[in-house]
Amino acid sequence: MSLLEILTYPDPRLKTISAPVTEFDAKLQAFLIDLENTMRAGPGGVGIAAPQVGCFQRIVLLDVSSKPKIKHHGNLVLINPEITQWEGFEIGREGCMSVPDYTGNVIRAQYLHLMAQDQHGIQHEYDMEGFEARAIQHELDHLDGLLFIDRLVSRRHDLFRRKVYVSIQTQPHLSSEKAIDR
């Protein structure tokens, strides 16, 4: 088990579109353990996508269960995820481990239906709403080479410099940001 290095903006690899996972083998299982350890080491992290650590496969981990009073599906391993339906829109503040110095306002769907495979290749379906829906949309953007800064409502008025942010490479035990952090 180890922590993986997180790619940070403006690293051009973050613009890479990820390929579907086809092998559900021991190598994938070992990678998932390292990816989860990396997500949990980050301040306030509720999700992480494989491209953030330089693995360009369609893999996302999501766990918003630490946020109080939020409807959620627990700790999710989502492989080859696809949003099949969505509705409603709302603006919310997001942050990202790959853009550690900023947060910003982004418009996302309020409700969605998601299909994905788990770590064993078994297909699952999820209906998500609110914070969990926002978080999964953020992570799925990484799979398509997009960052939250690509979806800002306004670059002039909706991008904010963080007051405090400690990267997992320097202080993995500290957490100070309450925005969505991935």
Protein backbone atom coordinates (compact mmCIF):
# COMPACT_ATOMS: atom_id res chain seq x y z
CA MET A 1 0.00 0.00 0.00
CA SER A 2 1.29 3.39 -0.95
CA LEU A 3 0.22 6.93 -1.72
CA LEU A 4 0.22 7.85 -5.38
CA GLU A 5 1.45 11.18 -6.71
CA ILE A 6 -1.39 13.50 -7.68
CA LEU A 7 -1.03 15.36 -10.96
CA THR A 8 -1.71 19.07 -10.56
CA TYR A 9 -2.79 21.77 -12.96
CA PRO A 10 -1.37 22.78 -15.45
CA ASP A 11 0.03 19.25 -16.08
CA PRO A 12 -1.11 18.48 -19.66
CA ARG A 13 -1.77 14.83 -18.77
CA LEU A 14 -4.88 15.98 -16.89
CA LYS A 15 -6.45 16.66 -20.31
CA THR A 16 -6.13 13.00 -21.35
CA ILE A 17 -9.32 11.07 -22.08
CA SER A 18 -9.33 7.76 -20.22
CA ALA A 19 -9.83 4.31 -21.75
CA PRO A 20 -12.37 1.76 -20.51
CA VAL A 21 -11.20 -0.92 -18.08
CA THR A 22 -11.25 -4.39 -19.64
CA GLU A 23 -9.22 -6.45 -17.16
CA PHE A 24 -10.52 -7.00 -13.62
CA ASP A 25 -7.38 -8.67 -12.33
CA ALA A 26 -5.03 -8.58 -9.33
CA LYS A 27 -3.20 -5.58 -10.78
CA LEU A 28 -6.47 -3.60 -10.81
CA GLN A 29 -7.27 -4.66 -7.24
CA ALA A 30 -3.83 -3.50 -6.00
CA PHE A 31 -4.23 -0.17 -7.83
CA LEU A 32 -7.66 0.37 -6.23
CA ILE A 33 -6.14 -0.03 -2.75
CA ASP A 34 -3.44 2.55 -3.49
CA LEU A 35 -5.99 4.89 -5.08
CA GLU A 36 -8.24 4.71 -2.01
CA ASN A 37 -5.32 5.35 0.34
CA THR A 38 -4.41 8.40 -1.75
CA MET A 39 -8.01 9.71 -1.66
CA ARG A 40 -8.30 9.25 2.10
CA ALA A 41 -4.95 10.98 2.73
CA GLY A 42 -6.15 14.18 1.07
CA PRO A 43 -7.73 16.98 3.09
CA GLY A 44 -11.50 16.67 2.78
CA GLY A 45 -11.31 14.31 -0.18
CA VAL A 46 -14.56 12.53 -1.01
CA GLY A 47 -13.55 11.19 -4.40
CA ILE A 48 -10.69 10.57 -6.76
CA ALA A 49 -10.38 9.58 -10.39
CA ALA A 50 -7.58 7.41 -11.77
CA PRO A 51 -6.35 10.11 -14.20
CA GLN A 52 -5.49 12.32 -11.22
CA VAL A 53 -2.67 9.89 -10.42
CA GLY A 54 -1.60 9.31 -14.02
CA CYS A 55 -3.61 6.14 -14.71
CA PHE A 56 -5.78 6.87 -17.73
CA GLN A 57 -8.50 4.31 -17.19
CA ARG A 58 -12.17 4.94 -16.41
CA ILE A 59 -11.96 4.40 -12.64
CA VAL A 60 -13.51 6.56 -9.90
CA LEU A 61 -13.70 6.14 -6.14
CA LEU A 62 -16.39 8.06 -4.28
CA ASP A 63 -17.34 8.19 -0.60
CA VAL A 64 -19.37 11.13 0.69
CA SER A 65 -20.47 9.25 3.83
CA SER A 66 -18.30 11.46 6.06
CA LYS A 67 -20.49 14.47 5.26
CA PRO A 68 -23.35 14.75 7.78
CA LYS A 69 -26.97 14.40 6.67
CA ILE A 70 -26.13 13.64 3.05
CA LYS A 71 -27.98 10.92 1.17
CA HIS A 72 -25.35 8.55 -0.21
CA HIS A 73 -24.49 5.03 -1.37
CA GLY A 74 -21.42 4.59 0.87
CA ASN A 75 -17.93 3.83 -0.37
CA LEU A 76 -18.17 3.26 -4.13
CA VAL A 77 -15.75 1.76 -6.63
CA LEU A 78 -17.03 2.87 -10.03
CA ILE A 79 -15.45 1.40 -13.12
CA ASN A 80 -16.50 2.48 -16.61
CA PRO A 81 -19.17 4.77 -15.10
CA GLU A 82 -21.78 6.40 -17.30
CA ILE A 83 -24.51 8.89 -16.49
CA THR A 84 -27.63 7.75 -18.34
CA GLN A 85 -30.11 10.39 -17.10
CA TRP A 86 -29.95 13.71 -15.29
CA GLU A 87 -32.27 16.52 -14.28
CA GLY A 88 -32.27 19.85 -12.51
CA PHE A 89 -29.33 22.18 -12.15
CA GLU A 90 -27.71 24.05 -9.29
CA ILE A 91 -24.55 26.05 -8.67
CA GLY A 92 -22.13 24.83 -6.02
CA ARG A 93 -18.55 25.40 -4.86
CA GLU A 94 -15.98 22.76 -5.81
CA GLY A 95 -12.32 22.16 -5.16
CA CYS A 96 -9.91 19.55 -6.41
CA MET A 97 -6.68 17.89 -5.30
CA SER A 98 -5.44 18.49 -8.86
CA VAL A 99 -6.14 22.24 -8.56
CA PRO A 100 -5.00 22.73 -4.96
CA ASP A 101 -4.89 26.53 -4.82
CA TYR A 102 -8.44 27.34 -5.99
CA THR A 103 -12.13 26.58 -5.59
CA GLY A 104 -14.92 27.66 -7.89
CA ASN A 105 -18.63 27.77 -8.61
CA VAL A 106 -19.82 25.15 -11.09
CA ILE A 107 -23.28 24.28 -12.44
CA ARG A 108 -24.13 20.56 -12.07
CA ALA A 109 -27.22 18.38 -12.39
CA GLN A 110 -29.11 17.88 -9.12
CA TYR A 111 -30.25 14.32 -9.83
CA LEU A 112 -28.77 11.60 -11.99
CA HIS A 113 -28.88 7.92 -12.84
CA LEU A 114 -25.48 6.23 -13.05
CA MET A 115 -24.42 2.84 -14.36
CA ALA A 116 -20.98 1.43 -13.47
CA GLN A 117 -19.11 -1.77 -12.84
CA ASP A 118 -17.58 -2.59 -9.47
CA GLN A 119 -14.05 -3.90 -8.83
CA HIS A 120 -15.16 -7.39 -9.96
CA GLY A 121 -16.78 -6.23 -13.20
CA ILE A 122 -20.37 -6.57 -11.94
CA GLN A 123 -22.73 -3.91 -13.32
CA HIS A 124 -24.64 -1.69 -10.84
CA GLU A 125 -27.08 1.21 -11.13
CA TYR A 126 -27.38 4.19 -8.79
CA ASP A 127 -29.78 7.09 -8.42
CA MET A 128 -27.88 10.01 -6.94
CA GLU A 129 -28.84 13.47 -5.81
CA GLY A 130 -27.40 16.59 -4.23
CA PHE A 131 -23.83 16.48 -3.00
CA GLU A 132 -23.25 12.88 -4.11
CA ALA A 133 -24.49 13.69 -7.62
CA ARG A 134 -22.25 16.77 -7.75
CA ALA A 135 -19.22 14.79 -6.57
CA ILE A 136 -19.66 12.03 -9.14
CA GLN A 137 -20.06 14.54 -11.98
CA HIS A 138 -16.82 16.20 -10.85
CA GLU A 139 -14.98 12.86 -10.86
CA LEU A 140 -16.40 11.74 -14.20
CA ASP A 141 -15.11 14.97 -15.75
CA HIS A 142 -11.58 13.82 -14.89
CA LEU A 143 -12.16 10.72 -17.04
CA ASP A 144 -12.86 12.99 -19.99
CA GLY A 145 -9.89 15.31 -19.43
CA LEU A 146 -11.88 18.09 -17.76
CA LEU A 147 -11.29 19.97 -14.52
CA PHE A 148 -13.79 22.01 -12.52
CA ILE A 149 -12.02 25.16 -13.77
CA ASP A 150 -13.16 24.19 -17.29
CA ARG A 151 -16.79 24.42 -16.09
CA LEU A 152 -16.74 27.60 -13.99
CA VAL A 153 -19.87 29.72 -14.20
CA SER A 154 -17.60 32.74 -14.75
CA ARG A 155 -13.79 32.78 -14.72
CA ARG A 156 -13.96 36.39 -13.58
CA HIS A 157 -16.38 36.03 -10.67
CA ASP A 158 -16.50 32.35 -9.71
CA LEU A 159 -12.87 31.30 -9.15
CA PHE A 160 -11.54 31.76 -5.62
CA ARG A 161 -8.05 31.42 -4.19
CA ARG A 162 -7.99 29.06 -1.22
CA LYS A 163 -7.10 30.57 2.11
CA VAL A 164 -5.60 27.33 3.43
CA TYR A 165 -4.82 24.09 1.67
CA VAL A 166 -2.34 21.44 2.67
CA SER A 167 -1.40 18.92 0.02
CA ILE A 168 -1.28 15.24 0.90
CA GLN A 169 2.36 15.16 -0.12
CA THR A 170 3.30 17.47 2.76
CA GLN A 171 0.74 17.03 5.56
CA PRO A 172 -1.56 14.01 5.07
CA HIS A 173 -3.10 14.26 8.55
CA LEU A 174 -4.53 17.81 8.23
CA SER A 175 -7.87 18.87 6.78
CA SER A 176 -9.09 22.44 6.47
CA GLU A 177 -11.30 22.78 3.38
CA LYS A 178 -15.03 22.18 3.47
CA ALA A 179 -15.67 22.52 -0.26
CA ILE A 180 -15.91 19.41 -2.41
CA ASP A 181 -12.33 18.22 -2.66
CA ARG A 182 -11.11 15.65 -5.07
